[in-house]
């Protein structure tokens, strides 16, 4: 706790600084934060909207919803 920083956040209990970039800036949006870690030329920059991961993996939505149903079920309440 308090010793990490990156795409997984800061893990310091303060959600206001979760989107801290490698330069130390705090970005207001997910897209701007993710783009700060993007390797130039490795992948396209994210736009302002968050893409639906199921759009890129047809058939995955059903498997994801089944897995989430377990996590949202009585065993984890």
Protein backbone atom coordinates (compact mmCIF):
# COMPACT_ATOMS: atom_id res chain seq x y z
CA UNK A 1 0.00 0.00 0.00
CA UNK A 2 1.25 3.47 -0.90
CA UNK A 3 4.19 2.09 -2.90
CA UNK A 4 2.64 1.56 -6.33
CA UNK A 5 1.71 3.83 -9.20
CA UNK A 6 0.61 3.04 -12.73
CA UNK A 7 -2.27 1.61 -14.70
CA UNK A 8 -3.53 -0.18 -11.59
CA UNK A 9 -3.74 3.06 -9.59
CA UNK A 10 -1.90 4.27 -6.51
CA UNK A 11 -3.38 1.96 -3.84
CA UNK A 12 -3.09 4.62 -1.16
CA UNK A 13 -6.75 4.95 -0.13
CA UNK A 14 -7.21 8.27 -1.97
CA UNK A 15 -9.33 7.76 -5.09
CA UNK A 16 -8.70 11.32 -6.26
CA UNK A 17 -5.18 10.41 -7.45
CA UNK A 18 -5.90 7.02 -9.06
CA UNK A 19 -5.33 8.41 -12.57
CA UNK A 20 -1.78 9.68 -11.90
CA UNK A 21 0.33 9.62 -15.08
CA UNK A 22 4.03 8.74 -15.32
CA UNK A 23 4.71 12.50 -15.30
CA UNK A 24 2.82 12.93 -12.02
CA UNK A 25 -0.25 14.64 -13.49
CA UNK A 26 -3.73 13.50 -12.43
CA UNK A 27 -5.94 13.00 -15.49
CA UNK A 28 -9.70 13.59 -15.23
CA UNK A 29 -10.73 10.81 -17.63
CA UNK A 30 -9.96 7.15 -18.23
CA UNK A 31 -9.03 7.76 -21.88
CA UNK A 32 -6.53 10.52 -21.08
CA UNK A 33 -5.02 8.40 -18.31
CA UNK A 34 -4.66 5.32 -20.53
CA UNK A 35 -3.20 7.39 -23.38
CA UNK A 36 -0.50 8.68 -21.00
CA UNK A 37 0.82 5.11 -20.72
CA UNK A 38 0.48 4.30 -24.45
CA UNK A 39 3.68 3.44 -26.27
CA UNK A 40 3.93 5.64 -29.36
CA UNK A 41 2.90 3.72 -32.45
CA UNK A 42 2.04 0.55 -30.52
CA UNK A 43 -1.73 1.07 -30.57
CA UNK A 44 -4.23 3.80 -31.45
CA UNK A 45 -5.06 6.43 -28.86
CA UNK A 46 -8.35 6.00 -27.02
CA UNK A 47 -11.12 8.45 -27.74
CA UNK A 48 -13.24 10.09 -25.07
CA UNK A 49 -15.63 7.13 -24.85
CA UNK A 50 -14.70 3.81 -23.27
CA UNK A 51 -14.95 1.00 -25.86
CA UNK A 52 -17.06 -2.01 -24.98
CA UNK A 53 -14.60 -4.92 -24.70
CA UNK A 54 -17.26 -7.36 -25.88
CA UNK A 55 -17.39 -5.62 -29.27
CA UNK A 56 -13.87 -6.85 -30.04
CA UNK A 57 -14.52 -10.40 -28.87
CA UNK A 58 -17.81 -11.75 -30.27
CA UNK A 59 -19.31 -14.43 -28.06
CA UNK A 60 -17.49 -13.24 -24.96
CA UNK A 61 -20.41 -11.29 -23.53
CA UNK A 62 -22.28 -14.45 -22.52
CA UNK A 63 -19.20 -15.93 -20.81
CA UNK A 64 -18.49 -12.65 -19.03
CA UNK A 65 -22.07 -12.29 -17.82
CA UNK A 66 -22.04 -15.88 -16.52
CA UNK A 67 -18.78 -15.26 -14.65
CA UNK A 68 -20.07 -11.99 -13.19
CA UNK A 69 -23.29 -13.69 -12.09
CA UNK A 70 -21.22 -15.91 -9.81
CA UNK A 71 -19.46 -12.89 -8.30
CA UNK A 72 -22.73 -11.06 -7.82
CA UNK A 73 -24.44 -14.13 -6.35
CA UNK A 74 -25.13 -15.06 -2.72
CA UNK A 75 -21.72 -16.68 -2.18
CA UNK A 76 -20.06 -13.23 -2.33
CA UNK A 77 -22.65 -11.14 -0.51
